[in-house]
PDB file of N, CA and C in Angstrom:
ATOM      1  N   MET A   1       0.807  -1.189   0.000  1.00  0.00           N
ATOM      2  CA  MET A   1       0.000   0.000   0.000  1.00  0.00           C
ATOM      3  C   MET A   1       0.854   1.258   0.000  1.00  0.00           C
ATOM      4  N   ALA A   2       2.098   1.062   0.052  1.00  0.00           N
ATOM      5  CA  ALA A   2       2.985   2.209   0.050  1.00  0.00           C
ATOM      6  C   ALA A   2       3.023   2.863  -1.319  1.00  0.00           C
ATOM      7  N   GLU A   3       2.532   2.132  -2.308  1.00  0.00           N
ATOM      8  CA  GLU A   3       2.587   2.672  -3.649  1.00  0.00           C
ATOM      9  C   GLU A   3       1.514   3.725  -3.896  1.00  0.00           C
ATOM     10  N   ALA A   4       0.386   3.634  -3.235  1.00  0.00           N
ATOM     11  CA  ALA A   4      -0.712   4.574  -3.473  1.00  0.00           C
ATOM     12  C   ALA A   4      -0.336   6.006  -3.091  1.00  0.00           C
ATOM     13  N   PRO A   5       0.247   6.256  -1.909  1.00  0.00           N
ATOM     14  CA  PRO A   5       0.632   7.632  -1.593  1.00  0.00           C
ATOM     15  C   PRO A   5       1.719   8.152  -2.531  1.00  0.00           C
ATOM     16  N   ASP A   6       2.631   7.248  -2.952  1.00  0.00           N
ATOM     17  CA  ASP A   6       3.678   7.691  -3.866  1.00  0.00           C
ATOM     18  C   ASP A   6       3.074   8.056  -5.218  1.00  0.00           C
ATOM     19  N   ARG A   7       2.132   7.273  -5.687  1.00  0.00           N
ATOM     20  CA  ARG A   7       1.487   7.579  -6.949  1.00  0.00           C
ATOM     21  C   ARG A   7       0.717   8.881  -6.852  1.00  0.00           C
ATOM     22  N   PHE A   8       0.047   9.051  -5.730  1.00  0.00           N
ATOM     23  CA  PHE A   8      -0.717  10.286  -5.540  1.00  0.00           C
ATOM     24  C   PHE A   8       0.242  11.498  -5.524  1.00  0.00           C
ATOM     25  N   ALA A   9       1.369  11.378  -4.846  1.00  0.00           N
ATOM     26  CA  ALA A   9       2.355  12.465  -4.770  1.00  0.00           C
ATOM     27  C   ALA A   9       2.953  12.729  -6.144  1.00  0.00           C
ATOM     28  N   LEU A  10       3.236  11.666  -6.883  1.00  0.00           N
ATOM     29  CA  LEU A  10       3.786  11.841  -8.216  1.00  0.00           C
ATOM     30  C   LEU A  10       2.774  12.485  -9.153  1.00  0.00           C
ATOM     31  N   ALA A  11       1.495  12.064  -9.049  1.00  0.00           N
ATOM     32  CA  ALA A  11       0.452  12.649  -9.896  1.00  0.00           C
ATOM     33  C   ALA A  11       0.271  14.123  -9.555  1.00  0.00           C
ATOM     34  N   GLN A  12       0.328  14.434  -8.251  1.00  0.00           N
ATOM     35  CA  GLN A  12       0.192  15.842  -7.827  1.00  0.00           C
ATOM     36  C   GLN A  12       1.381  16.664  -8.341  1.00  0.00           C
ATOM     37  N   ARG A  13       2.601  16.095  -8.256  1.00  0.00           N
ATOM     38  CA  ARG A  13       3.799  16.806  -8.738  1.00  0.00           C
ATOM     39  C   ARG A  13       3.715  17.004 -10.253  1.00  0.00           C
ATOM     40  N   ALA A  14       3.210  16.000 -10.971  1.00  0.00           N
ATOM     41  CA  ALA A  14       3.065  16.114 -12.429  1.00  0.00           C
ATOM     42  C   ALA A  14       2.057  17.203 -12.778  1.00  0.00           C
ATOM     43  N   ALA A  15       0.984  17.320 -12.023  1.00  0.00           N
ATOM     44  CA  ALA A  15      -0.017  18.363 -12.260  1.00  0.00           C
ATOM     45  C   ALA A  15       0.586  19.744 -12.018  1.00  0.00           C
ATOM     46  N   GLU A  16       1.406  19.874 -10.975  1.00  0.00           N
ATOM     47  CA  GLU A  16       2.069  21.159 -10.698  1.00  0.00           C
ATOM     48  C   GLU A  16       3.013  21.542 -11.843  1.00  0.00           C
ATOM     49  N   ILE A  17       3.760  20.568 -12.337  1.00  0.00           N
ATOM     50  CA  ILE A  17       4.702  20.837 -13.434  1.00  0.00           C
ATOM     51  C   ILE A  17       3.939  21.239 -14.690  1.00  0.00           C
ATOM     52  N   ARG A  18       2.817  20.566 -14.994  1.00  0.00           N
ATOM     53  CA  ARG A  18       2.015  20.940 -16.158  1.00  0.00           C
ATOM     54  C   ARG A  18       1.478  22.362 -16.032  1.00  0.00           C
ATOM     55  N   GLN A  19       1.049  22.698 -14.808  1.00  0.00           N
ATOM     56  CA  GLN A  19       0.525  24.050 -14.576  1.00  0.00           C
ATOM     57  C   GLN A  19       1.631  25.087 -14.780  1.00  0.00           C
ATOM     58  N   GLN A  20       2.848  24.821 -14.295  1.00  0.00           N
ATOM     59  CA  GLN A  20       3.970  25.743 -14.483  1.00  0.00           C
ATOM     60  C   GLN A  20       4.307  25.897 -15.968  1.00  0.00           C
ATOM     61  N   LEU A  21       4.288  24.786 -16.701  1.00  0.00           N
ATOM     62  CA  LEU A  21       4.559  24.857 -18.135  1.00  0.00           C
ATOM     63  C   LEU A  21       3.502  25.675 -18.859  1.00  0.00           C
ATOM     64  N   ALA A  22       2.236  25.508 -18.467  1.00  0.00           N
ATOM     65  CA  ALA A  22       1.153  26.275 -19.093  1.00  0.00           C
ATOM     66  C   ALA A  22       1.306  27.762 -18.781  1.00  0.00           C
ATOM     67  N   GLU A  23       1.708  28.094 -17.550  1.00  0.00           N
ATOM     68  CA  GLU A  23       1.906  29.498 -17.175  1.00  0.00           C
ATOM     69  C   GLU A  23       3.075  30.095 -17.972  1.00  0.00           C
ATOM     70  N   ARG A  24       4.139  29.341 -18.126  1.00  0.00           N
ATOM     71  CA  ARG A  24       5.295  29.830 -18.881  1.00  0.00           C
ATOM     72  C   ARG A  24       4.933  30.015 -20.356  1.00  0.00           C
ATOM     73  N   ALA A  25       4.151  29.092 -20.904  1.00  0.00           N
ATOM     74  CA  ALA A  25       3.753  29.231 -22.304  1.00  0.00           C
ATOM     75  C   ALA A  25       2.874  30.454 -22.488  1.00  0.00           C
ATOM     76  N   THR A  26       1.964  30.708 -21.519  1.00  0.00           N
ATOM     77  CA  THR A  26       1.120  31.896 -21.582  1.00  0.00           C
ATOM     78  C   THR A  26       1.970  33.154 -21.461  1.00  0.00           C
ATOM     79  N   SER A  27       2.925  33.151 -20.532  1.00  0.00           N
ATOM     80  CA  SER A  27       3.806  34.302 -20.338  1.00  0.00           C
ATOM     81  C   SER A  27       4.633  34.555 -21.605  1.00  0.00           C
ATOM     82  N   ARG A  28       5.145  33.483 -22.214  1.00  0.00           N
ATOM     83  CA  ARG A  28       5.939  33.626 -23.437  1.00  0.00           C
ATOM     84  C   ARG A  28       5.081  34.183 -24.570  1.00  0.00           C
ATOM     85  N   THR A  29       3.865  33.714 -24.697  1.00  0.00           N
ATOM     86  CA  THR A  29       2.967  34.203 -25.734  1.00  0.00           C
ATOM     87  C   THR A  29       2.683  35.682 -25.535  1.00  0.00           C
ATOM     88  N   GLU A  30       2.481  36.092 -24.279  1.00  0.00           N
ATOM     89  CA  GLU A  30       2.238  37.507 -23.987  1.00  0.00           C
ATOM     90  C   GLU A  30       3.468  38.357 -24.343  1.00  0.00           C
ATOM     91  N   GLN A  31       4.655  37.854 -24.050  1.00  0.00           N
ATOM     92  CA  GLN A  31       5.884  38.593 -24.372  1.00  0.00           C
ATOM     93  C   GLN A  31       6.082  38.710 -25.884  1.00  0.00           C
ATOM     94  N   VAL A  32       5.790  37.641 -26.613  1.00  0.00           N
ATOM     95  CA  VAL A  32       5.926  37.677 -28.068  1.00  0.00           C
ATOM     96  C   VAL A  32       4.929  38.661 -28.657  1.00  0.00           C
ATOM     97  N   ASP A  33       3.697  38.645 -28.147  1.00  0.00           N
ATOM     98  CA  ASP A  33       2.683  39.592 -28.636  1.00  0.00           C
ATOM     99  C   ASP A  33       3.087  41.025 -28.320  1.00  0.00           C
ATOM    100  N   SER A  34       3.638  41.247 -27.130  1.00  0.00           N
ATOM    101  CA  SER A  34       4.073  42.587 -26.748  1.00  0.00           C
ATOM    102  C   SER A  34       5.210  43.065 -27.660  1.00  0.00           C
ATOM    103  N   LEU A  35       6.153  42.174 -27.933  1.00  0.00           N
ATOM    104  CA  LEU A  35       7.272  42.537 -28.804  1.00  0.00           C
ATOM    105  C   LEU A  35       6.793  42.785 -30.232  1.00  0.00           C
ATOM    106  N   ALA A  36       5.832  42.010 -30.681  1.00  0.00           N
ATOM    107  CA  ALA A  36       5.310  42.187 -32.035  1.00  0.00           C
ATOM    108  C   ALA A  36       4.569  43.510 -32.174  1.00  0.00           C
ATOM    109  N   ALA A  37       4.000  44.007 -31.085  1.00  0.00           N
ATOM    110  CA  ALA A  37       3.251  45.263 -31.137  1.00  0.00           C
ATOM    111  C   ALA A  37       4.143  46.480 -30.909  1.00  0.00           C
ATOM    112  N   THR A  38       5.411  46.257 -30.579  1.00  0.00           N
ATOM    113  CA  THR A  38       6.329  47.368 -30.317  1.00  0.00           C
ATOM    114  C   THR A  38       6.767  47.982 -31.641  1.00  0.00           C
ATOM    115  N   PRO A  39       6.601  49.306 -31.807  1.00  0.00           N
ATOM    116  CA  PRO A  39       7.030  49.928 -33.068  1.00  0.00           C
ATOM    117  C   PRO A  39       8.560  50.024 -33.117  1.00  0.00           C
ATOM    118  N   MET A  40       9.125  49.695 -34.289  1.00  0.00           N
ATOM    119  CA  MET A  40      10.580  49.739 -34.469  1.00  0.00           C
ATOM    120  C   MET A  40      10.901  50.402 -35.799  1.00  0.00           C
ATOM    121  N   THR A  41      12.030  51.067 -35.819  1.00  0.00           N
ATOM    122  CA  THR A  41      12.530  51.641 -37.071  1.00  0.00           C
ATOM    123  C   THR A  41      13.978  51.209 -37.233  1.00  0.00           C
ATOM    124  N   PHE A  42      14.397  51.049 -38.467  1.00  0.00           N
ATOM    125  CA  PHE A  42      15.773  50.679 -38.771  1.00  0.00           C
ATOM    126  C   PHE A  42      16.363  51.746 -39.685  1.00  0.00           C
ATOM    127  N   ARG A  43      17.573  52.128 -39.352  1.00  0.00           N
ATOM    128  CA  ARG A  43      18.278  53.105 -40.172  1.00  0.00           C
ATOM    129  C   ARG A  43      19.604  52.483 -40.586  1.00  0.00           C
ATOM    130  N   TYR A  44      19.715  52.184 -41.861  1.00  0.00           N
ATOM    131  CA  TYR A  44      20.918  51.544 -42.371  1.00  0.00           C
ATOM    132  C   TYR A  44      21.851  52.620 -42.918  1.00  0.00           C
ATOM    133  N   THR A  45      23.001  52.773 -42.282  1.00  0.00           N
ATOM    134  CA  THR A  45      24.018  53.703 -42.761  1.00  0.00           C
ATOM    135  C   THR A  45      25.377  53.037 -42.656  1.00  0.00           C
ATOM    136  N   ALA A  46      26.269  53.436 -43.509  1.00  0.00           N
ATOM    137  CA  ALA A  46      27.632  52.928 -43.428  1.00  0.00           C
ATOM    138  C   ALA A  46      28.361  53.691 -42.335  1.00  0.00           C
ATOM    139  N   SER A  47      29.305  53.044 -41.754  1.00  0.00           N
ATOM    140  CA  SER A  47      30.073  53.697 -40.693  1.00  0.00           C
ATOM    141  C   SER A  47      31.515  53.857 -41.159  1.00  0.00           C
ATOM    142  N   SER A  48      32.360  54.317 -40.264  1.00  0.00           N
ATOM    143  CA  SER A  48      33.758  54.516 -40.617  1.00  0.00           C
ATOM    144  C   SER A  48      34.508  53.189 -40.673  1.00  0.00           C
ATOM    145  N   ALA A  49      33.834  52.084 -40.352  1.00  0.00           N
ATOM    146  CA  ALA A  49      34.488  50.789 -40.425  1.00  0.00           C
ATOM    147  C   ALA A  49      34.788  50.409 -41.872  1.00  0.00           C
ATOM    148  N   ILE A  50      34.000  50.926 -42.812  1.00  0.00           N
ATOM    149  CA  ILE A  50      34.219  50.648 -44.231  1.00  0.00           C
ATOM    150  C   ILE A  50      34.491  51.988 -44.915  1.00  0.00           C
ATOM    151  N   PRO A  51      35.750  52.403 -45.024  1.00  0.00           N
ATOM    152  CA  PRO A  51      36.036  53.691 -45.639  1.00  0.00           C
ATOM    153  C   PRO A  51      35.663  53.691 -47.118  1.00  0.00           C
ATOM    154  N   GLY A  52      35.169  54.805 -47.556  1.00  0.00           N
ATOM    155  CA  GLY A  52      34.803  54.949 -48.947  1.00  0.00           C
ATOM    156  C   GLY A  52      33.333  54.676 -49.215  1.00  0.00           C
ATOM    157  N   PHE A  53      32.623  54.117 -48.262  1.00  0.00           N
ATOM    158  CA  PHE A  53      31.212  53.817 -48.449  1.00  0.00           C
ATOM    159  C   PHE A  53      30.315  54.722 -47.622  1.00  0.00           C
ATOM    160  N   ASP A  54      30.877  55.783 -47.070  1.00  0.00           N
ATOM    161  CA  ASP A  54      30.072  56.712 -46.276  1.00  0.00           C
ATOM    162  C   ASP A  54      29.390  57.677 -47.233  1.00  0.00           C
ATOM    163  N   SER A  55      28.196  57.315 -47.661  1.00  0.00           N
ATOM    164  CA  SER A  55      27.494  58.158 -48.632  1.00  0.00           C
ATOM    165  C   SER A  55      26.774  59.310 -47.953  1.00  0.00           C
ATOM    166  N   GLY A  56      26.805  59.357 -46.631  1.00  0.00           N
ATOM    167  CA  GLY A  56      26.083  60.391 -45.906  1.00  0.00           C
ATOM    168  C   GLY A  56      26.726  61.760 -46.014  1.00  0.00           C
ATOM    169  N   ALA A  57      28.044  61.835 -46.012  1.00  0.00           N
ATOM    170  CA  ALA A  57      28.695  63.142 -45.969  1.00  0.00           C
ATOM    171  C   ALA A  57      30.035  63.120 -46.691  1.00  0.00           C
ATOM    172  N   PRO A  58      30.060  62.954 -47.999  1.00  0.00           N
ATOM    173  CA  PRO A  58      31.353  62.937 -48.682  1.00  0.00           C
ATOM    174  C   PRO A  58      32.041  64.297 -48.677  1.00  0.00           C
ATOM    175  N   LEU A  59      31.281  65.377 -48.686  1.00  0.00           N
ATOM    176  CA  LEU A  59      31.908  66.705 -48.653  1.00  0.00           C
ATOM    177  C   LEU A  59      32.576  66.962 -47.314  1.00  0.00           C
ATOM    178  N   TYR A  60      31.924  66.536 -46.241  1.00  0.00           N
ATOM    179  CA  TYR A  60      32.502  66.731 -44.917  1.00  0.00           C
ATOM    180  C   TYR A  60      33.768  65.898 -44.766  1.00  0.00           C
ATOM    181  N   THR A  61      33.753  64.677 -45.303  1.00  0.00           N
ATOM    182  CA  THR A  61      34.946  63.833 -45.249  1.00  0.00           C
ATOM    183  C   THR A  61      36.082  64.480 -46.036  1.00  0.00           C
ATOM    184  N   GLY A  62      35.762  65.032 -47.202  1.00  0.00           N
ATOM    185  CA  GLY A  62      36.780  65.738 -47.983  1.00  0.00           C
ATOM    186  C   GLY A  62      37.317  66.952 -47.251  1.00  0.00           C
ATOM    187  N   TYR A  63      36.430  67.664 -46.573  1.00  0.00           N
ATOM    188  CA  TYR A  63      36.848  68.829 -45.785  1.00  0.00           C
ATOM    189  C   TYR A  63      37.828  68.401 -44.686  1.00  0.00           C
ATOM    190  N   LEU A  64      37.513  67.304 -43.983  1.00  0.00           N
ATOM    191  CA  LEU A  64      38.399  66.841 -42.912  1.00  0.00           C
ATOM    192  C   LEU A  64      39.758  66.419 -43.447  1.00  0.00           C
ATOM    193  N   ILE A  65      39.769  65.744 -44.608  1.00  0.00           N
ATOM    194  CA  ILE A  65      41.044  65.335 -45.199  1.00  0.00           C
ATOM    195  C   ILE A  65      41.848  66.565 -45.627  1.00  0.00           C
ATOM    196  N   GLY A  66      41.186  67.554 -46.218  1.00  0.00           N
ATOM    197  CA  GLY A  66      41.875  68.775 -46.623  1.00  0.00           C
ATOM    198  C   GLY A  66      42.439  69.547 -45.446  1.00  0.00           C
ATOM    199  N   LYS A  67      41.665  69.616 -44.379  1.00  0.00           N
ATOM    200  CA  LYS A  67      42.126  70.320 -43.181  1.00  0.00           C
ATOM    201  C   LYS A  67      43.348  69.625 -42.588  1.00  0.00           C
ATOM    202  N   GLN A  68      43.314  68.305 -42.514  1.00  0.00           N
ATOM    203  CA  GLN A  68      44.446  67.564 -41.986  1.00  0.00           C
ATOM    204  C   GLN A  68      45.675  67.751 -42.873  1.00  0.00           C
ATOM    205  N   SER A  69      45.477  67.752 -44.180  1.00  0.00           N
ATOM    206  CA  SER A  69      46.587  67.953 -45.107  1.00  0.00           C
ATOM    207  C   SER A  69      47.193  69.344 -44.938  1.00  0.00           C
ATOM    208  N   LEU A  70      46.357  70.351 -44.754  1.00  0.00           N
ATOM    209  CA  LEU A  70      46.855  71.711 -44.539  1.00  0.00           C
ATOM    210  C   LEU A  70      47.673  71.800 -43.261  1.00  0.00           C
ATOM    211  N   PHE A  71      47.208  71.168 -42.193  1.00  0.00           N
ATOM    212  CA  PHE A  71      47.947  71.197 -40.934  1.00  0.00           C
ATOM    213  C   PHE A  71      49.302  70.507 -41.074  1.00  0.00           C
ATOM    214  N   VAL A  72      49.343  69.406 -41.818  1.00  0.00           N
ATOM    215  CA  VAL A  72      50.619  68.715 -42.017  1.00  0.00           C
ATOM    216  C   VAL A  72      51.568  69.590 -42.830  1.00  0.00           C
ATOM    217  N   ALA A  73      51.055  70.237 -43.873  1.00  0.00           N
ATOM    218  CA  ALA A  73      51.899  71.107 -44.699  1.00  0.00           C
ATOM    219  C   ALA A  73      52.444  72.280 -43.875  1.00  0.00           C
ATOM    220  N   LEU A  74      51.600  72.903 -43.065  1.00  0.00           N
ATOM    221  CA  LEU A  74      52.066  74.003 -42.215  1.00  0.00           C
ATOM    222  C   LEU A  74      53.097  73.521 -41.203  1.00  0.00           C
ATOM    223  N   THR A  75      52.900  72.340 -40.683  1.00  0.00           N
ATOM    224  CA  THR A  75      53.871  71.789 -39.735  1.00  0.00           C
ATOM    225  C   THR A  75      55.225  71.584 -40.401  1.00  0.00           C
ATOM    226  N   VAL A  76      55.216  71.066 -41.610  1.00  0.00           N
ATOM    227  CA  VAL A  76      56.475  70.855 -42.330  1.00  0.00           C
ATOM    228  C   VAL A  76      57.155  72.194 -42.601  1.00  0.00           C
ATOM    229  N   VAL A  77      56.401  73.199 -43.024  1.00  0.00           N
ATOM    230  CA  VAL A  77      56.985  74.516 -43.290  1.00  0.00           C
ATOM    231  C   VAL A  77      57.588  75.108 -42.019  1.00  0.00           C
ATOM    232  N   ILE A  78      56.895  75.005 -40.918  1.00  0.00           N
ATOM    233  CA  ILE A  78      57.405  75.552 -39.651  1.00  0.00           C
ATOM    234  C   ILE A  78      58.680  74.835 -39.217  1.00  0.00           C
ATOM    235  N   VAL A  79      58.710  73.514 -39.383  1.00  0.00           N
ATOM    236  CA  VAL A  79      59.908  72.762 -38.994  1.00  0.00           C
ATOM    237  C   VAL A  79      61.083  73.132 -39.902  1.00  0.00           C
ATOM    238  N   VAL A  80      60.828  73.235 -41.210  1.00  0.00           N
ATOM    239  CA  VAL A  80      61.911  73.597 -42.136  1.00  0.00           C
ATOM    240  C   VAL A  80      62.434  74.993 -41.817  1.00  0.00           C
ATOM    241  N   LEU A  81      61.538  75.928 -41.550  1.00  0.00           N
ATOM    242  CA  LEU A  81      61.987  77.270 -41.179  1.00  0.00           C
ATOM    243  C   LEU A  81      62.735  77.263 -39.854  1.00  0.00           C
ATOM    244  N   GLY A  82      62.247  76.504 -38.916  1.00  0.00           N
ATOM    245  CA  GLY A  82      62.913  76.450 -37.610  1.00  0.00           C
ATOM    246  C   GLY A  82      64.301  75.860 -37.686  1.00  0.00           C
ATOM    247  N   VAL A  83      64.492  74.889 -38.568  1.00  0.00           N
ATOM    248  CA  VAL A  83      65.806  74.266 -38.701  1.00  0.00           C
ATOM    249  C   VAL A  83      66.697  75.083 -39.632  1.00  0.00           C
ATOM    250  N   GLY A  84      66.149  75.622 -40.714  1.00  0.00           N
ATOM    251  CA  GLY A  84      66.967  76.294 -41.715  1.00  0.00           C
ATOM    252  C   GLY A  84      67.256  77.754 -41.450  1.00  0.00           C
ATOM    253  N   ALA A  85      66.378  78.444 -40.746  1.00  0.00           N
ATOM    254  CA  ALA A  85      66.562  79.883 -40.530  1.00  0.00           C
ATOM    255  C   ALA A  85      67.850  80.219 -39.778  1.00  0.00           C
ATOM    256  N   PRO A  86      68.198  79.525 -38.708  1.00  0.00           N
ATOM    257  CA  PRO A  86      69.466  79.879 -38.029  1.00  0.00           C
ATOM    258  C   PRO A  86      70.686  79.672 -38.929  1.00  0.00           C
ATOM    259  N   TRP A  87      70.675  78.609 -39.732  1.00  0.00           N
ATOM    260  CA  TRP A  87      71.804  78.386 -40.634  1.00  0.00           C
ATOM    261  C   TRP A  87      71.863  79.453 -41.717  1.00  0.00           C
ATOM    262  N   LEU A  88      70.730  79.846 -42.243  1.00  0.00           N
ATOM    263  CA  LEU A  88      70.688  80.899 -43.256  1.00  0.00           C
ATOM    264  C   LEU A  88      71.194  82.216 -42.662  1.00  0.00           C
ATOM    265  N   ALA A  89      70.768  82.532 -41.461  1.00  0.00           N
ATOM    266  CA  ALA A  89      71.241  83.755 -40.795  1.00  0.00           C
ATOM    267  C   ALA A  89      72.750  83.700 -40.562  1.00  0.00           C
ATOM    268  N   PHE A  90      73.249  82.537 -40.182  1.00  0.00           N
ATOM    269  CA  PHE A  90      74.681  82.348 -39.948  1.00  0.00           C
ATOM    270  C   PHE A  90      75.477  82.583 -41.232  1.00  0.00           C
ATOM    271  N   ILE A  91      75.012  82.017 -42.344  1.00  0.00           N
ATOM    272  CA  ILE A  91      75.699  82.176 -43.632  1.00  0.00           C
ATOM    273  C   ILE A  91      75.632  83.625 -44.109  1.00  0.00           C
ATOM    274  N   LEU A  92      74.467  84.259 -43.977  1.00  0.00           N
ATOM    275  CA  LEU A  92      74.333  85.657 -44.391  1.00  0.00           C
ATOM    276  C   LEU A  92      75.206  86.583 -43.545  1.00  0.00           C
ATOM    277  N   LEU A  93      75.307  86.299 -42.259  1.00  0.00           N
ATOM    278  CA  LEU A  93      76.155  87.117 -41.390  1.00  0.00           C
ATOM    279  C   LEU A  93      77.613  87.026 -41.806  1.00  0.00           C
ATOM    280  N   PHE A  94      78.093  85.809 -42.059  1.00  0.00           N
ATOM    281  CA  PHE A  94      79.484  85.681 -42.474  1.00  0.00           C
ATOM    282  C   PHE A  94      79.711  86.263 -43.865  1.00  0.00           C
ATOM    283  N   GLY A  95      78.748  86.178 -44.752  1.00  0.00           N
ATOM    284  CA  GLY A  95      78.878  86.816 -46.065  1.00  0.00           C
ATOM    285  C   GLY A  95      78.949  88.319 -45.952  1.00  0.00           C
ATOM    286  N   TRP A  96      78.144  88.874 -45.081  1.00  0.00           N
ATOM    287  CA  TRP A  96      78.163  90.328 -44.873  1.00  0.00           C
ATOM    288  C   TRP A  96      79.489  90.757 -44.243  1.00  0.00           C
ATOM    289  N   LEU A  97      79.941  90.005 -43.228  1.00  0.00           N
ATOM    290  CA  LEU A  97      81.227  90.344 -42.602  1.00  0.00           C
ATOM    291  C   LEU A  97      82.381  90.252 -43.597  1.00  0.00           C
ATOM    292  N   TYR A  98      82.349  89.263 -44.471  1.00  0.00           N
ATOM    293  CA  TYR A  98      83.390  89.118 -45.488  1.00  0.00           C
ATOM    294  C   TYR A  98      83.375  90.298 -46.450  1.00  0.00           C
ATOM    295  N   ARG A  99      82.181  90.754 -46.789  1.00  0.00           N
ATOM    296  CA  ARG A  99      82.077  91.863 -47.732  1.00  0.00           C
ATOM    297  C   ARG A  99      82.480  93.184 -47.083  1.00  0.00           C
ATOM    298  N   VAL A 100      82.036  93.374 -45.838  1.00  0.00           N
ATOM    299  CA  VAL A 100      82.319  94.638 -45.151  1.00  0.00           C
ATOM    300  C   VAL A 100      83.794  94.745 -44.790  1.00  0.00           C
ATOM    301  N   SER A 101      84.366  93.668 -44.363  1.00  0.00           N
ATOM    302  CA  SER A 101      85.782  93.732 -43.991  1.00  0.00           C
ATOM    303  C   SER A 101      86.621  93.851 -45.253  1.00  0.00           C
ATOM    304  N   GLY A 102      87.843  94.116 -45.105  1.00  0.00           N
ATOM    305  CA  GLY A 102      88.717  94.302 -46.252  1.00  0.00           C
ATOM    306  C   GLY A 102      89.222  92.995 -46.824  1.00  0.00           C
ATOM    307  N   LEU A 103      88.790  91.874 -46.352  1.00  0.00           N
ATOM    308  CA  LEU A 103      89.309  90.596 -46.825  1.00  0.00           C
ATOM    309  C   LEU A 103      89.013  90.373 -48.305  1.00  0.00           C
ATOM    310  N   ARG A 104      87.889  90.857 -48.775  1.00  0.00           N
ATOM    311  CA  ARG A 104      87.531  90.653 -50.179  1.00  0.00           C
ATOM    312  C   ARG A 104      88.506  91.416 -51.087  1.00  0.00           C
ATOM    313  N   ALA A 105      88.789  92.635 -50.702  1.00  0.00           N
ATOM    314  CA  ALA A 105      89.723  93.435 -51.510  1.00  0.00           C
ATOM    315  C   ALA A 105      91.129  92.839 -51.457  1.00  0.00           C
ATOM    316  N   LEU A 106      91.543  92.363 -50.289  1.00  0.00           N
ATOM    317  CA  LEU A 106      92.874  91.753 -50.178  1.00  0.00           C
ATOM    318  C   LEU A 106      92.970  90.483 -51.012  1.00  0.00           C
ATOM    319  N   ARG A 107      91.917  89.732 -51.018  1.00  0.00           N
ATOM    320  CA  ARG A 107      91.920  88.484 -51.773  1.00  0.00           C
ATOM    321  C   ARG A 107      92.032  88.765 -53.273  1.00  0.00           C
ATOM    322  N   ARG A 108      91.340  89.810 -53.734  1.00  0.00           N
ATOM    323  CA  ARG A 108      91.451  90.175 -55.149  1.00  0.00           C
ATOM    324  C   ARG A 108      92.889  90.608 -55.479  1.00  0.00           C
ATOM    325  N   ARG A 109      93.463  91.335 -54.581  1.00  0.00           N
ATOM    326  CA  ARG A 109      94.825  91.818 -54.807  1.00  0.00           C
ATOM    327  C   ARG A 109      95.808  90.656 -54.854  1.00  0.00           C
ATOM    328  N   TRP A 110      95.600  89.657 -53.980  1.00  0.00           N
ATOM    329  CA  TRP A 110      96.499  88.505 -53.963  1.00  0.00           C
ATOM    330  C   TRP A 110      96.277  87.621 -55.180  1.00  0.00           C
ATOM    331  N   ALA A 111      95.054  87.567 -55.672  1.00  0.00           N
ATOM    332  CA  ALA A 111      94.747  86.678 -56.794  1.00  0.00           C
ATOM    333  C   ALA A 111      95.333  87.212 -58.097  1.00  0.00           C
ATOM    334  N   ALA A 112      95.301  88.524 -58.315  1.00  0.00           N
ATOM    335  CA  ALA A 112      95.827  89.096 -59.552  1.00  0.00           C
ATOM    336  C   ALA A 112      96.928  90.091 -59.179  1.00  0.00           C
ATOM    337  N   PRO A 113      98.157  89.680 -59.210  1.00  0.00           N
ATOM    338  CA  PRO A 113      99.242  90.621 -58.875  1.00  0.00           C
ATOM    339  C   PRO A 113      99.368  91.697 -59.952  1.00  0.00           C
ATOM    340  N   ASP A 114      99.821  92.830 -59.536  1.00  0.00           N
ATOM    341  CA  ASP A 114      99.972  93.973 -60.468  1.00  0.00           C
ATOM    342  C   ASP A 114     100.974  93.647 -61.568  1.00  0.00           C
ATOM    343  N   ALA A 115     100.629  94.073 -62.737  1.00  0.00           N
ATOM    344  CA  ALA A 115     101.541  93.881 -63.869  1.00  0.00           C
ATOM    345  C   ALA A 115     102.767  94.778 -63.737  1.00  0.00           C
ATOM    346  N   ALA A 116     102.657  95.859 -62.976  1.00  0.00           N
ATOM    347  CA  ALA A 116     103.776  96.784 -62.824  1.00  0.00           C
ATOM    348  C   ALA A 116     104.850  96.211 -61.894  1.00  0.00           C
ATOM    349  N   THR A 117     104.469  95.277 -61.084  1.00  0.00           N
ATOM    350  CA  THR A 117     105.432  94.715 -60.160  1.00  0.00           C
ATOM    351  C   THR A 117     106.265  93.662 -60.875  1.00  0.00           C
ATOM    352  N   PRO A 118     107.565  93.846 -60.909  1.00  0.00           N
ATOM    353  CA  PRO A 118     108.390  92.852 -61.596  1.00  0.00           C
ATOM    354  C   PRO A 118     108.509  91.583 -60.774  1.00  0.00           C
ATOM    355  N   ILE A 119     108.511  90.498 -61.464  1.00  0.00           N
ATOM    356  CA  ILE A 119     108.657  89.212 -60.795  1.00  0.00           C
ATOM    357  C   ILE A 119     110.147  88.873 -60.811  1.00  0.00           C
ATOM    358  N   ALA A 120     110.696  88.617 -59.672  1.00  0.00           N
ATOM    359  CA  ALA A 120     112.119  88.314 -59.583  1.00  0.00           C
ATOM    360  C   ALA A 120     112.349  86.878 -60.037  1.00  0.00           C
ATOM    361  N   SER A 121     113.335  86.775 -60.861  1.00  0.00           N
ATOM    362  CA  SER A 121     113.635  85.419 -61.310  1.00  0.00           C
ATOM    363  C   SER A 121     115.068  85.093 -61.080  1.00  0.00           C
TER     364      SER A 121
END
């Protein structure tokens, strides 16, 4: 007779499990219906992950590339001036000193000796 209470308990447990499954199925159906009634919109646009396919703003992309190119060019000019200007000033200073001093005239005199001066032989 020990089997009757066990069968009754098992039948009761099976009924509880069926009821839980029915509640879950009802809950799932309600969630699916709720999701189906939710309004959604999709906006398909290319992103920066695929360069060249951004059809949304090609002019703006060109503007950004041009601006970056201008900044790089200005940077190069500033660096070249910063490195070259002191050397140019140094060379011009020595050229001016050479011209102002009498070294230029002396060098000409040494390069072409006077025809009036006899060469001793």
